[in-house]
PDB file of N, CA and C in Angstrom:
ATOM      1  N   UNK A   1     -20.015  39.321  10.589  1.00  0.00           N
ATOM      2  CA  UNK A   1     -21.434  39.298  10.418  1.00  0.00           C
ATOM      3  C   UNK A   1     -22.035  40.419  11.250  1.00  0.00           C
ATOM      4  N   UNK A   2     -22.898  41.181  10.674  1.00  0.00           N
ATOM      5  CA  UNK A   2     -23.542  42.284  11.373  1.00  0.00           C
ATOM      6  C   UNK A   2     -24.777  41.785  12.108  1.00  0.00           C
ATOM      7  N   UNK A   3     -25.012  42.354  13.275  1.00  0.00           N
ATOM      8  CA  UNK A   3     -26.235  42.061  13.999  1.00  0.00           C
ATOM      9  C   UNK A   3     -26.896  43.373  14.363  1.00  0.00           C
ATOM     10  N   UNK A   4     -28.181  43.375  14.278  1.00  0.00           N
ATOM     11  CA  UNK A   4     -28.965  44.552  14.617  1.00  0.00           C
ATOM     12  C   UNK A   4     -29.963  44.152  15.682  1.00  0.00           C
ATOM     13  N   UNK A   5     -30.132  44.981  16.657  1.00  0.00           N
ATOM     14  CA  UNK A   5     -31.096  44.711  17.713  1.00  0.00           C
ATOM     15  C   UNK A   5     -32.469  45.165  17.227  1.00  0.00           C
ATOM     16  N   UNK A   6     -33.247  44.204  16.775  1.00  0.00           N
ATOM     17  CA  UNK A   6     -34.584  44.530  16.265  1.00  0.00           C
ATOM     18  C   UNK A   6     -35.669  44.175  17.269  1.00  0.00           C
ATOM     19  N   UNK A   7     -35.270  43.584  18.391  1.00  0.00           N
ATOM     20  CA  UNK A   7     -36.267  43.194  19.384  1.00  0.00           C
ATOM     21  C   UNK A   7     -36.845  41.819  19.131  1.00  0.00           C
ATOM     22  N   UNK A   8     -36.510  41.199  17.993  1.00  0.00           N
ATOM     23  CA  UNK A   8     -37.016  39.872  17.671  1.00  0.00           C
ATOM     24  C   UNK A   8     -35.909  38.848  17.906  1.00  0.00           C
ATOM     25  N   UNK A   9     -36.300  37.663  18.312  1.00  0.00           N
ATOM     26  CA  UNK A   9     -35.296  36.613  18.490  1.00  0.00           C
ATOM     27  C   UNK A   9     -34.936  36.014  17.136  1.00  0.00           C
ATOM     28  N   UNK A  10     -33.654  35.646  16.981  1.00  0.00           N
ATOM     29  CA  UNK A  10     -33.175  35.087  15.719  1.00  0.00           C
ATOM     30  C   UNK A  10     -33.633  33.641  15.581  1.00  0.00           C
ATOM     31  N   UNK A  11     -34.033  33.281  14.376  1.00  0.00           N
ATOM     32  CA  UNK A  11     -34.438  31.914  14.069  1.00  0.00           C
ATOM     33  C   UNK A  11     -33.267  31.249  13.346  1.00  0.00           C
ATOM     34  N   UNK A  12     -32.774  30.156  13.910  1.00  0.00           N
ATOM     35  CA  UNK A  12     -31.665  29.428  13.304  1.00  0.00           C
ATOM     36  C   UNK A  12     -32.194  28.632  12.118  1.00  0.00           C
ATOM     37  N   UNK A  13     -31.621  28.885  10.940  1.00  0.00           N
ATOM     38  CA  UNK A  13     -32.033  28.167   9.733  1.00  0.00           C
ATOM     39  C   UNK A  13     -31.216  26.899   9.566  1.00  0.00           C
ATOM     40  N   UNK A  14     -29.920  26.986   9.880  1.00  0.00           N
ATOM     41  CA  UNK A  14     -29.033  25.825   9.764  1.00  0.00           C
ATOM     42  C   UNK A  14     -27.944  25.928  10.803  1.00  0.00           C
ATOM     43  N   UNK A  15     -27.600  24.806  11.400  1.00  0.00           N
ATOM     44  CA  UNK A  15     -26.461  24.739  12.307  1.00  0.00           C
ATOM     45  C   UNK A  15     -25.778  23.401  12.077  1.00  0.00           C
ATOM     46  N   UNK A  16     -24.485  23.455  11.775  1.00  0.00           N
ATOM     47  CA  UNK A  16     -23.736  22.233  11.476  1.00  0.00           C
ATOM     48  C   UNK A  16     -23.605  21.369  12.717  1.00  0.00           C
ATOM     49  N   UNK A  17     -23.667  20.082  12.496  1.00  0.00           N
ATOM     50  CA  UNK A  17     -23.466  19.110  13.562  1.00  0.00           C
ATOM     51  C   UNK A  17     -22.023  19.219  14.051  1.00  0.00           C
ATOM     52  N   UNK A  18     -21.782  19.199  15.360  1.00  0.00           N
ATOM     53  CA  UNK A  18     -20.411  19.318  15.872  1.00  0.00           C
ATOM     54  C   UNK A  18     -19.454  18.243  15.338  1.00  0.00           C
ATOM     55  N   UNK A  19     -19.956  17.041  15.090  1.00  0.00           N
ATOM     56  CA  UNK A  19     -19.098  15.984  14.537  1.00  0.00           C
ATOM     57  C   UNK A  19     -18.672  16.327  13.108  1.00  0.00           C
ATOM     58  N   UNK A  20     -19.582  16.916  12.332  1.00  0.00           N
ATOM     59  CA  UNK A  20     -19.265  17.334  10.966  1.00  0.00           C
ATOM     60  C   UNK A  20     -18.237  18.454  10.992  1.00  0.00           C
ATOM     61  N   UNK A  21     -18.401  19.407  11.892  1.00  0.00           N
ATOM     62  CA  UNK A  21     -17.448  20.512  12.020  1.00  0.00           C
ATOM     63  C   UNK A  21     -16.056  19.980  12.339  1.00  0.00           C
ATOM     64  N   UNK A  22     -15.980  19.030  13.273  1.00  0.00           N
ATOM     65  CA  UNK A  22     -14.690  18.446  13.635  1.00  0.00           C
ATOM     66  C   UNK A  22     -14.071  17.721  12.434  1.00  0.00           C
ATOM     67  N   UNK A  23     -14.874  16.985  11.673  1.00  0.00           N
ATOM     68  CA  UNK A  23     -14.381  16.280  10.496  1.00  0.00           C
ATOM     69  C   UNK A  23     -13.865  17.269   9.447  1.00  0.00           C
ATOM     70  N   UNK A  24     -14.603  18.348   9.211  1.00  0.00           N
ATOM     71  CA  UNK A  24     -14.185  19.346   8.223  1.00  0.00           C
ATOM     72  C   UNK A  24     -12.882  20.032   8.630  1.00  0.00           C
ATOM     73  N   UNK A  25     -12.701  20.286   9.915  1.00  0.00           N
ATOM     74  CA  UNK A  25     -11.432  20.847  10.387  1.00  0.00           C
ATOM     75  C   UNK A  25     -10.285  19.890  10.082  1.00  0.00           C
ATOM     76  N   UNK A  26     -10.531  18.589  10.279  1.00  0.00           N
ATOM     77  CA  UNK A  26      -9.502  17.589   9.984  1.00  0.00           C
ATOM     78  C   UNK A  26      -9.161  17.532   8.507  1.00  0.00           C
ATOM     79  N   UNK A  27     -10.189  17.608   7.656  1.00  0.00           N
ATOM     80  CA  UNK A  27      -9.965  17.596   6.210  1.00  0.00           C
ATOM     81  C   UNK A  27      -9.167  18.819   5.788  1.00  0.00           C
ATOM     82  N   UNK A  28      -9.538  19.980   6.302  1.00  0.00           N
ATOM     83  CA  UNK A  28      -8.844  21.221   5.962  1.00  0.00           C
ATOM     84  C   UNK A  28      -7.379  21.162   6.387  1.00  0.00           C
ATOM     85  N   UNK A  29      -7.121  20.695   7.601  1.00  0.00           N
ATOM     86  CA  UNK A  29      -5.743  20.603   8.077  1.00  0.00           C
ATOM     87  C   UNK A  29      -4.934  19.602   7.261  1.00  0.00           C
ATOM     88  N   UNK A  30      -5.549  18.472   6.908  1.00  0.00           N
ATOM     89  CA  UNK A  30      -4.869  17.460   6.103  1.00  0.00           C
ATOM     90  C   UNK A  30      -4.515  18.001   4.722  1.00  0.00           C
ATOM     91  N   UNK A  31      -5.460  18.689   4.099  1.00  0.00           N
ATOM     92  CA  UNK A  31      -5.220  19.269   2.777  1.00  0.00           C
ATOM     93  C   UNK A  31      -4.122  20.319   2.836  1.00  0.00           C
ATOM     94  N   UNK A  32      -4.157  21.141   3.856  1.00  0.00           N
ATOM     95  CA  UNK A  32      -3.147  22.185   4.011  1.00  0.00           C
ATOM     96  C   UNK A  32      -1.761  21.571   4.169  1.00  0.00           C
ATOM     97  N   UNK A  33      -1.639  20.543   5.007  1.00  0.00           N
ATOM     98  CA  UNK A  33      -0.339  19.898   5.224  1.00  0.00           C
ATOM     99  C   UNK A  33       0.126  19.130   3.986  1.00  0.00           C
ATOM    100  N   UNK A  34      -0.800  18.591   3.207  1.00  0.00           N
ATOM    101  CA  UNK A  34      -0.433  17.858   1.993  1.00  0.00           C
ATOM    102  C   UNK A  34       0.101  18.783   0.907  1.00  0.00           C
ATOM    103  N   UNK A  35      -0.449  19.978   0.809  1.00  0.00           N
ATOM    104  CA  UNK A  35      -0.082  20.899  -0.275  1.00  0.00           C
ATOM    105  C   UNK A  35       1.076  21.816   0.081  1.00  0.00           C
ATOM    106  N   UNK A  36       1.301  22.052   1.354  1.00  0.00           N
ATOM    107  CA  UNK A  36       2.327  23.003   1.790  1.00  0.00           C
ATOM    108  C   UNK A  36       3.716  22.711   1.217  1.00  0.00           C
ATOM    109  N   UNK A  37       4.164  21.449   1.133  1.00  0.00           N
ATOM    110  CA  UNK A  37       5.498  21.183   0.569  1.00  0.00           C
ATOM    111  C   UNK A  37       5.604  21.485  -0.931  1.00  0.00           C
ATOM    112  N   UNK A  38       4.470  21.662  -1.606  1.00  0.00           N
ATOM    113  CA  UNK A  38       4.485  21.872  -3.054  1.00  0.00           C
ATOM    114  C   UNK A  38       4.268  23.330  -3.434  1.00  0.00           C
ATOM    115  N   UNK A  39       4.536  24.236  -2.505  1.00  0.00           N
ATOM    116  CA  UNK A  39       4.485  25.661  -2.795  1.00  0.00           C
ATOM    117  C   UNK A  39       5.447  25.968  -3.934  1.00  0.00           C
ATOM    118  N   UNK A  40       5.037  26.763  -4.894  1.00  0.00           N
ATOM    119  CA  UNK A  40       5.815  27.137  -6.086  1.00  0.00           C
ATOM    120  C   UNK A  40       5.999  25.989  -7.077  1.00  0.00           C
ATOM    121  N   UNK A  41       5.185  24.949  -6.991  1.00  0.00           N
ATOM    122  CA  UNK A  41       5.199  23.858  -7.961  1.00  0.00           C
ATOM    123  C   UNK A  41       3.992  24.015  -8.886  1.00  0.00           C
ATOM    124  N   UNK A  42       4.164  23.562 -10.141  1.00  0.00           N
ATOM    125  CA  UNK A  42       3.065  23.596 -11.100  1.00  0.00           C
ATOM    126  C   UNK A  42       2.120  22.431 -10.810  1.00  0.00           C
ATOM    127  N   UNK A  43       0.825  22.756 -10.776  1.00  0.00           N
ATOM    128  CA  UNK A  43      -0.188  21.753 -10.468  1.00  0.00           C
ATOM    129  C   UNK A  43      -1.397  21.911 -11.382  1.00  0.00           C
ATOM    130  N   UNK A  44      -2.181  20.855 -11.394  1.00  0.00           N
ATOM    131  CA  UNK A  44      -3.493  20.882 -12.049  1.00  0.00           C
ATOM    132  C   UNK A  44      -4.501  20.624 -10.941  1.00  0.00           C
ATOM    133  N   UNK A  45      -5.486  21.502 -10.826  1.00  0.00           N
ATOM    134  CA  UNK A  45      -6.472  21.428  -9.751  1.00  0.00           C
ATOM    135  C   UNK A  45      -7.847  21.200 -10.352  1.00  0.00           C
ATOM    136  N   UNK A  46      -8.578  20.247  -9.797  1.00  0.00           N
ATOM    137  CA  UNK A  46      -9.958  20.011 -10.207  1.00  0.00           C
ATOM    138  C   UNK A  46     -10.862  20.344  -9.031  1.00  0.00           C
ATOM    139  N   UNK A  47     -11.921  21.105  -9.299  1.00  0.00           N
ATOM    140  CA  UNK A  47     -12.852  21.486  -8.242  1.00  0.00           C
ATOM    141  C   UNK A  47     -14.063  20.562  -8.241  1.00  0.00           C
ATOM    142  N   UNK A  48     -14.860  20.655  -7.188  1.00  0.00           N
ATOM    143  CA  UNK A  48     -16.042  19.808  -7.068  1.00  0.00           C
ATOM    144  C   UNK A  48     -17.037  20.007  -8.198  1.00  0.00           C
ATOM    145  N   UNK A  49     -17.081  21.205  -8.762  1.00  0.00           N
ATOM    146  CA  UNK A  49     -18.035  21.460  -9.846  1.00  0.00           C
ATOM    147  C   UNK A  49     -17.476  21.138 -11.229  1.00  0.00           C
ATOM    148  N   UNK A  50     -16.294  20.492 -11.290  1.00  0.00           N
ATOM    149  CA  UNK A  50     -15.754  20.020 -12.555  1.00  0.00           C
ATOM    150  C   UNK A  50     -14.789  20.958 -13.259  1.00  0.00           C
ATOM    151  N   UNK A  51     -14.567  22.150 -12.728  1.00  0.00           N
ATOM    152  CA  UNK A  51     -13.606  23.080 -13.348  1.00  0.00           C
ATOM    153  C   UNK A  51     -12.189  22.582 -13.088  1.00  0.00           C
ATOM    154  N   UNK A  52     -11.308  22.766 -14.081  1.00  0.00           N
ATOM    155  CA  UNK A  52      -9.893  22.448 -13.882  1.00  0.00           C
ATOM    156  C   UNK A  52      -9.075  23.707 -14.128  1.00  0.00           C
ATOM    157  N   UNK A  53      -8.034  23.864 -13.346  1.00  0.00           N
ATOM    158  CA  UNK A  53      -7.139  25.011 -13.448  1.00  0.00           C
ATOM    159  C   UNK A  53      -5.710  24.499 -13.395  1.00  0.00           C
ATOM    160  N   UNK A  54      -4.855  25.056 -14.238  1.00  0.00           N
ATOM    161  CA  UNK A  54      -3.436  24.739 -14.194  1.00  0.00           C
ATOM    162  C   UNK A  54      -2.686  25.989 -13.811  1.00  0.00           C
ATOM    163  N   UNK A  55      -1.733  25.837 -12.905  1.00  0.00           N
ATOM    164  CA  UNK A  55      -0.956  26.980 -12.474  1.00  0.00           C
ATOM    165  C   UNK A  55       0.054  26.579 -11.426  1.00  0.00           C
ATOM    166  N   UNK A  56       0.583  27.560 -10.741  1.00  0.00           N
ATOM    167  CA  UNK A  56       1.603  27.364  -9.717  1.00  0.00           C
ATOM    168  C   UNK A  56       1.013  27.730  -8.372  1.00  0.00           C
ATOM    169  N   UNK A  57       1.234  26.875  -7.374  1.00  0.00           N
ATOM    170  CA  UNK A  57       0.738  27.188  -6.038  1.00  0.00           C
ATOM    171  C   UNK A  57       1.545  28.373  -5.514  1.00  0.00           C
ATOM    172  N   UNK A  58       0.877  29.518  -5.380  1.00  0.00           N
ATOM    173  CA  UNK A  58       1.539  30.748  -4.948  1.00  0.00           C
ATOM    174  C   UNK A  58       1.458  30.928  -3.440  1.00  0.00           C
ATOM    175  N   UNK A  59       0.514  30.281  -2.797  1.00  0.00           N
ATOM    176  CA  UNK A  59       0.380  30.409  -1.353  1.00  0.00           C
ATOM    177  C   UNK A  59      -0.840  29.672  -0.856  1.00  0.00           C
ATOM    178  N   UNK A  60      -0.920  29.573   0.463  1.00  0.00           N
ATOM    179  CA  UNK A  60      -2.060  28.927   1.110  1.00  0.00           C
ATOM    180  C   UNK A  60      -2.293  29.604   2.446  1.00  0.00           C
ATOM    181  N   UNK A  61      -3.532  29.623   2.862  1.00  0.00           N
ATOM    182  CA  UNK A  61      -3.843  29.996   4.231  1.00  0.00           C
ATOM    183  C   UNK A  61      -4.854  28.985   4.751  1.00  0.00           C
ATOM    184  N   UNK A  62      -5.495  29.276   5.853  1.00  0.00           N
ATOM    185  CA  UNK A  62      -6.377  28.286   6.471  1.00  0.00           C
ATOM    186  C   UNK A  62      -7.654  28.020   5.670  1.00  0.00           C
ATOM    187  N   UNK A  63      -7.966  28.866   4.680  1.00  0.00           N
ATOM    188  CA  UNK A  63      -9.210  28.683   3.932  1.00  0.00           C
ATOM    189  C   UNK A  63      -9.030  28.562   2.429  1.00  0.00           C
ATOM    190  N   UNK A  64      -7.934  29.079   1.883  1.00  0.00           N
ATOM    191  CA  UNK A  64      -7.772  29.156   0.433  1.00  0.00           C
ATOM    192  C   UNK A  64      -6.410  28.663  -0.031  1.00  0.00           C
ATOM    193  N   UNK A  65      -6.391  28.188  -1.269  1.00  0.00           N
ATOM    194  CA  UNK A  65      -5.150  27.956  -1.993  1.00  0.00           C
ATOM    195  C   UNK A  65      -5.098  29.052  -3.047  1.00  0.00           C
ATOM    196  N   UNK A  66      -3.938  29.685  -3.193  1.00  0.00           N
ATOM    197  CA  UNK A  66      -3.781  30.759  -4.168  1.00  0.00           C
ATOM    198  C   UNK A  66      -2.968  30.215  -5.329  1.00  0.00           C
ATOM    199  N   UNK A  67      -3.605  30.116  -6.481  1.00  0.00           N
ATOM    200  CA  UNK A  67      -3.004  29.534  -7.662  1.00  0.00           C
ATOM    201  C   UNK A  67      -2.666  30.638  -8.651  1.00  0.00           C
ATOM    202  N   UNK A  68      -1.393  30.730  -9.051  1.00  0.00           N
ATOM    203  CA  UNK A  68      -0.997  31.709 -10.051  1.00  0.00           C
ATOM    204  C   UNK A  68      -1.231  31.081 -11.416  1.00  0.00           C
ATOM    205  N   UNK A  69      -2.118  31.690 -12.191  1.00  0.00           N
ATOM    206  CA  UNK A  69      -2.463  31.181 -13.511  1.00  0.00           C
ATOM    207  C   UNK A  69      -2.092  32.225 -14.559  1.00  0.00           C
ATOM    208  N   UNK A  70      -1.783  31.748 -15.753  1.00  0.00           N
ATOM    209  CA  UNK A  70      -1.485  32.637 -16.868  1.00  0.00           C
ATOM    210  C   UNK A  70      -2.757  32.884 -17.647  1.00  0.00           C
ATOM    211  N   UNK A  71      -3.063  34.138 -17.860  1.00  0.00           N
ATOM    212  CA  UNK A  71      -4.275  34.519 -18.576  1.00  0.00           C
ATOM    213  C   UNK A  71      -3.970  34.615 -20.061  1.00  0.00           C
ATOM    214  N   UNK A  72      -4.783  33.938 -20.847  1.00  0.00           N
ATOM    215  CA  UNK A  72      -4.706  34.059 -22.302  1.00  0.00           C
ATOM    216  C   UNK A  72      -6.058  34.570 -22.779  1.00  0.00           C
ATOM    217  N   UNK A  73      -6.134  34.923 -24.014  1.00  0.00           N
ATOM    218  CA  UNK A  73      -7.414  35.403 -24.532  1.00  0.00           C
ATOM    219  C   UNK A  73      -8.421  34.254 -24.668  1.00  0.00           C
ATOM    220  N   UNK A  74      -7.948  32.999 -24.546  1.00  0.00           N
ATOM    221  CA  UNK A  74      -8.829  31.833 -24.627  1.00  0.00           C
ATOM    222  C   UNK A  74      -9.390  31.445 -23.262  1.00  0.00           C
ATOM    223  N   UNK A  75      -8.944  32.093 -22.181  1.00  0.00           N
ATOM    224  CA  UNK A  75      -9.364  31.731 -20.843  1.00  0.00           C
ATOM    225  C   UNK A  75     -10.864  31.983 -20.685  1.00  0.00           C
ATOM    226  N   UNK A  76     -11.628  30.948 -20.268  1.00  0.00           N
ATOM    227  CA  UNK A  76     -13.069  31.119 -20.167  1.00  0.00           C
ATOM    228  C   UNK A  76     -13.511  31.987 -18.993  1.00  0.00           C
ATOM    229  N   UNK A  77     -12.659  32.190 -18.004  1.00  0.00           N
ATOM    230  CA  UNK A  77     -13.035  33.011 -16.849  1.00  0.00           C
ATOM    231  C   UNK A  77     -12.901  34.482 -17.191  1.00  0.00           C
ATOM    232  N   UNK A  78     -13.505  35.320 -16.412  1.00  0.00           N
ATOM    233  CA  UNK A  78     -13.505  36.753 -16.656  1.00  0.00           C
ATOM    234  C   UNK A  78     -12.363  37.481 -15.990  1.00  0.00           C
ATOM    235  N   UNK A  79     -11.122  37.083 -16.260  1.00  0.00           N
ATOM    236  CA  UNK A  79      -9.983  37.807 -15.710  1.00  0.00           C
ATOM    237  C   UNK A  79      -9.826  39.115 -16.462  1.00  0.00           C
ATOM    238  N   UNK A  80      -9.402  40.136 -15.760  1.00  0.00           N
ATOM    239  CA  UNK A  80      -9.205  41.437 -16.380  1.00  0.00           C
ATOM    240  C   UNK A  80      -7.770  41.877 -16.157  1.00  0.00           C
ATOM    241  N   UNK A  81      -7.079  42.168 -17.219  1.00  0.00           N
ATOM    242  CA  UNK A  81      -5.719  42.683 -17.139  1.00  0.00           C
ATOM    243  C   UNK A  81      -5.762  44.145 -17.560  1.00  0.00           C
ATOM    244  N   UNK A  82      -5.568  45.077 -16.621  1.00  0.00           N
ATOM    245  CA  UNK A  82      -5.684  46.493 -16.975  1.00  0.00           C
ATOM    246  C   UNK A  82      -4.576  46.975 -17.895  1.00  0.00           C
ATOM    247  N   UNK A  83      -3.511  46.187 -18.055  1.00  0.00           N
ATOM    248  CA  UNK A  83      -2.388  46.604 -18.892  1.00  0.00           C
ATOM    249  C   UNK A  83      -2.471  46.062 -20.311  1.00  0.00           C
ATOM    250  N   UNK A  84      -3.463  45.197 -20.593  1.00  0.00           N
ATOM    251  CA  UNK A  84      -3.594  44.630 -21.929  1.00  0.00           C
ATOM    252  C   UNK A  84      -4.185  45.672 -22.866  1.00  0.00           C
ATOM    253  N   UNK A  85      -3.494  45.935 -23.960  1.00  0.00           N
ATOM    254  CA  UNK A  85      -3.978  46.886 -24.965  1.00  0.00           C
ATOM    255  C   UNK A  85      -3.965  46.165 -26.315  1.00  0.00           C
ATOM    256  N   UNK A  86      -5.143  45.796 -26.827  1.00  0.00           N
ATOM    257  CA  UNK A  86      -5.184  45.016 -28.057  1.00  0.00           C
ATOM    258  C   UNK A  86      -4.796  45.800 -29.311  1.00  0.00           C
ATOM    259  N   UNK A  87      -4.881  47.131 -29.265  1.00  0.00           N
ATOM    260  CA  UNK A  87      -4.585  47.921 -30.459  1.00  0.00           C
ATOM    261  C   UNK A  87      -3.498  48.949 -30.157  1.00  0.00           C
ATOM    262  N   UNK A  88      -2.612  49.170 -31.108  1.00  0.00           N
ATOM    263  CA  UNK A  88      -1.602  50.208 -30.889  1.00  0.00           C
ATOM    264  C   UNK A  88      -2.266  51.578 -30.755  1.00  0.00           C
ATOM    265  N   UNK A  89      -1.696  52.366 -29.913  1.00  0.00           N
ATOM    266  CA  UNK A  89      -2.223  53.712 -29.715  1.00  0.00           C
ATOM    267  C   UNK A  89      -1.134  54.585 -29.148  1.00  0.00           C
ATOM    268  N   UNK A  90      -1.500  55.649 -28.473  1.00  0.00           N
ATOM    269  CA  UNK A  90      -0.487  56.508 -27.864  1.00  0.00           C
ATOM    270  C   UNK A  90       0.385  55.698 -26.904  1.00  0.00           C
ATOM    271  N   UNK A  91       1.668  55.895 -26.985  1.00  0.00           N
ATOM    272  CA  UNK A  91       2.579  55.149 -26.127  1.00  0.00           C
ATOM    273  C   UNK A  91       3.053  53.847 -26.734  1.00  0.00           C
ATOM    274  N   UNK A  92       2.629  53.549 -27.960  1.00  0.00           N
ATOM    275  CA  UNK A  92       3.053  52.305 -28.609  1.00  0.00           C
ATOM    276  C   UNK A  92       4.467  52.476 -29.111  1.00  0.00           C
ATOM    277  N   UNK A  93       5.398  51.577 -29.009  1.00  0.00           N
ATOM    278  CA  UNK A  93       5.264  50.255 -28.376  1.00  0.00           C
ATOM    279  C   UNK A  93       5.187  50.380 -26.856  1.00  0.00           C
ATOM    280  N   UNK A  94       4.599  49.381 -26.249  1.00  0.00           N
ATOM    281  CA  UNK A  94       4.358  49.398 -24.817  1.00  0.00           C
ATOM    282  C   UNK A  94       5.673  49.335 -24.054  1.00  0.00           C
ATOM    283  N   UNK A  95       5.724  49.971 -22.900  1.00  0.00           N
ATOM    284  CA  UNK A  95       6.972  50.027 -22.131  1.00  0.00           C
ATOM    285  C   UNK A  95       7.262  48.717 -21.403  1.00  0.00           C
ATOM    286  N   UNK A  96       7.741  47.738 -22.106  1.00  0.00           N
ATOM    287  CA  UNK A  96       8.117  46.459 -21.495  1.00  0.00           C
ATOM    288  C   UNK A  96       7.020  45.421 -21.616  1.00  0.00           C
ATOM    289  N   UNK A  97       7.327  44.194 -21.232  1.00  0.00           N
ATOM    290  CA  UNK A  97       6.359  43.111 -21.351  1.00  0.00           C
ATOM    291  C   UNK A  97       5.221  43.259 -20.347  1.00  0.00           C
ATOM    292  N   UNK A  98       4.069  42.777 -20.739  1.00  0.00           N
ATOM    293  CA  UNK A  98       2.896  42.799 -19.880  1.00  0.00           C
ATOM    294  C   UNK A  98       2.836  41.475 -19.132  1.00  0.00           C
ATOM    295  N   UNK A  99       2.613  41.525 -17.828  1.00  0.00           N
ATOM    296  CA  UNK A  99       2.513  40.325 -17.016  1.00  0.00           C
ATOM    297  C   UNK A  99       1.088  39.792 -17.096  1.00  0.00           C
ATOM    298  N   UNK A 100       0.922  38.598 -17.639  1.00  0.00           N
ATOM    299  CA  UNK A 100      -0.401  38.001 -17.783  1.00  0.00           C
ATOM    300  C   UNK A 100      -0.700  36.986 -16.692  1.00  0.00           C
ATOM    301  N   UNK A 101       0.023  37.057 -15.570  1.00  0.00           N
ATOM    302  CA  UNK A 101      -0.232  36.146 -14.462  1.00  0.00           C
ATOM    303  C   UNK A 101      -1.174  36.805 -13.468  1.00  0.00           C
ATOM    304  N   UNK A 102      -2.158  36.042 -13.025  1.00  0.00           N
ATOM    305  CA  UNK A 102      -3.079  36.509 -11.995  1.00  0.00           C
ATOM    306  C   UNK A 102      -3.156  35.442 -10.906  1.00  0.00           C
ATOM    307  N   UNK A 103      -3.568  35.860  -9.725  1.00  0.00           N
ATOM    308  CA  UNK A 103      -3.721  34.931  -8.609  1.00  0.00           C
ATOM    309  C   UNK A 103      -5.198  34.564  -8.497  1.00  0.00           C
ATOM    310  N   UNK A 104      -5.460  33.267  -8.553  1.00  0.00           N
ATOM    311  CA  UNK A 104      -6.817  32.740  -8.457  1.00  0.00           C
ATOM    312  C   UNK A 104      -6.986  32.102  -7.076  1.00  0.00           C
ATOM    313  N   UNK A 105      -7.802  32.688  -6.197  1.00  0.00           N
ATOM    314  CA  UNK A 105      -8.033  32.054  -4.894  1.00  0.00           C
ATOM    315  C   UNK A 105      -9.042  30.919  -5.042  1.00  0.00           C
ATOM    316  N   UNK A 106      -8.689  29.751  -4.528  1.00  0.00           N
ATOM    317  CA  UNK A 106      -9.578  28.585  -4.567  1.00  0.00           C
ATOM    318  C   UNK A 106      -9.879  28.151  -3.141  1.00  0.00           C
ATOM    319  N   UNK A 107     -11.146  27.994  -2.810  1.00  0.00           N
ATOM    320  CA  UNK A 107     -11.553  27.585  -1.471  1.00  0.00           C
ATOM    321  C   UNK A 107     -11.156  26.124  -1.267  1.00  0.00           C
ATOM    322  N   UNK A 108     -10.491  25.830  -0.143  1.00  0.00           N
ATOM    323  CA  UNK A 108      -9.989  24.476   0.089  1.00  0.00           C
ATOM    324  C   UNK A 108     -11.092  23.425   0.057  1.00  0.00           C
ATOM    325  N   UNK A 109     -12.283  23.744   0.561  1.00  0.00           N
ATOM    326  CA  UNK A 109     -13.359  22.758   0.600  1.00  0.00           C
ATOM    327  C   UNK A 109     -13.935  22.466  -0.778  1.00  0.00           C
ATOM    328  N   UNK A 110     -13.609  23.265  -1.772  1.00  0.00           N
ATOM    329  CA  UNK A 110     -14.106  23.062  -3.129  1.00  0.00           C
ATOM    330  C   UNK A 110     -13.165  22.199  -3.972  1.00  0.00           C
ATOM    331  N   UNK A 111     -11.990  21.875  -3.451  1.00  0.00           N
ATOM    332  CA  UNK A 111     -11.002  21.150  -4.236  1.00  0.00           C
ATOM    333  C   UNK A 111     -11.263  19.658  -4.191  1.00  0.00           C
ATOM    334  N   UNK A 112     -11.258  19.041  -5.358  1.00  0.00           N
ATOM    335  CA  UNK A 112     -11.503  17.604  -5.464  1.00  0.00           C
ATOM    336  C   UNK A 112     -10.196  16.841  -5.649  1.00  0.00           C
ATOM    337  N   UNK A 113      -9.324  17.366  -6.529  1.00  0.00           N
ATOM    338  CA  UNK A 113      -8.054  16.698  -6.805  1.00  0.00           C
ATOM    339  C   UNK A 113      -6.996  17.731  -7.141  1.00  0.00           C
ATOM    340  N   UNK A 114      -5.769  17.457  -6.704  1.00  0.00           N
ATOM    341  CA  UNK A 114      -4.612  18.301  -7.035  1.00  0.00           C
ATOM    342  C   UNK A 114      -3.518  17.363  -7.484  1.00  0.00           C
ATOM    343  N   UNK A 115      -2.960  17.607  -8.675  1.00  0.00           N
ATOM    344  CA  UNK A 115      -1.890  16.742  -9.167  1.00  0.00           C
ATOM    345  C   UNK A 115      -0.747  17.596  -9.708  1.00  0.00           C
ATOM    346  N   UNK A 116       0.471  17.101  -9.551  1.00  0.00           N
ATOM    347  CA  UNK A 116       1.646  17.789 -10.074  1.00  0.00           C
ATOM    348  C   UNK A 116       1.684  17.651 -11.574  1.00  0.00           C
ATOM    349  N   UNK A 117       2.134  18.714 -12.268  1.00  0.00           N
ATOM    350  CA  UNK A 117       2.323  18.634 -13.723  1.00  0.00           C
ATOM    351  C   UNK A 117       3.724  19.056 -14.060  1.00  0.00           C
TER     352      UNK A 117
END
């Protein structure tokens, strides 16, 4: 976060309650420990806003779960594959298969349910 010395005192708009912060740390650690053994397993993830994603847990850190998902032309999200060429052109046929897997970072606090598939 950048700070600039403007000569004015900062007005706090929001500050989390210390008990809430401690609880959120516990939830994050619990979620991380629950998912860690299932690295490289296929899962279905539901987020708080109702989105569902199916893929393989590719990794985790203290804030995110990284889900490897396969992109199809039916995928509602705006994934971009720079190697996808819908029409034959120079260089056709393409030099080998195109990898349609992308890594989708999901914020741990946004996850509602994770189930094995």
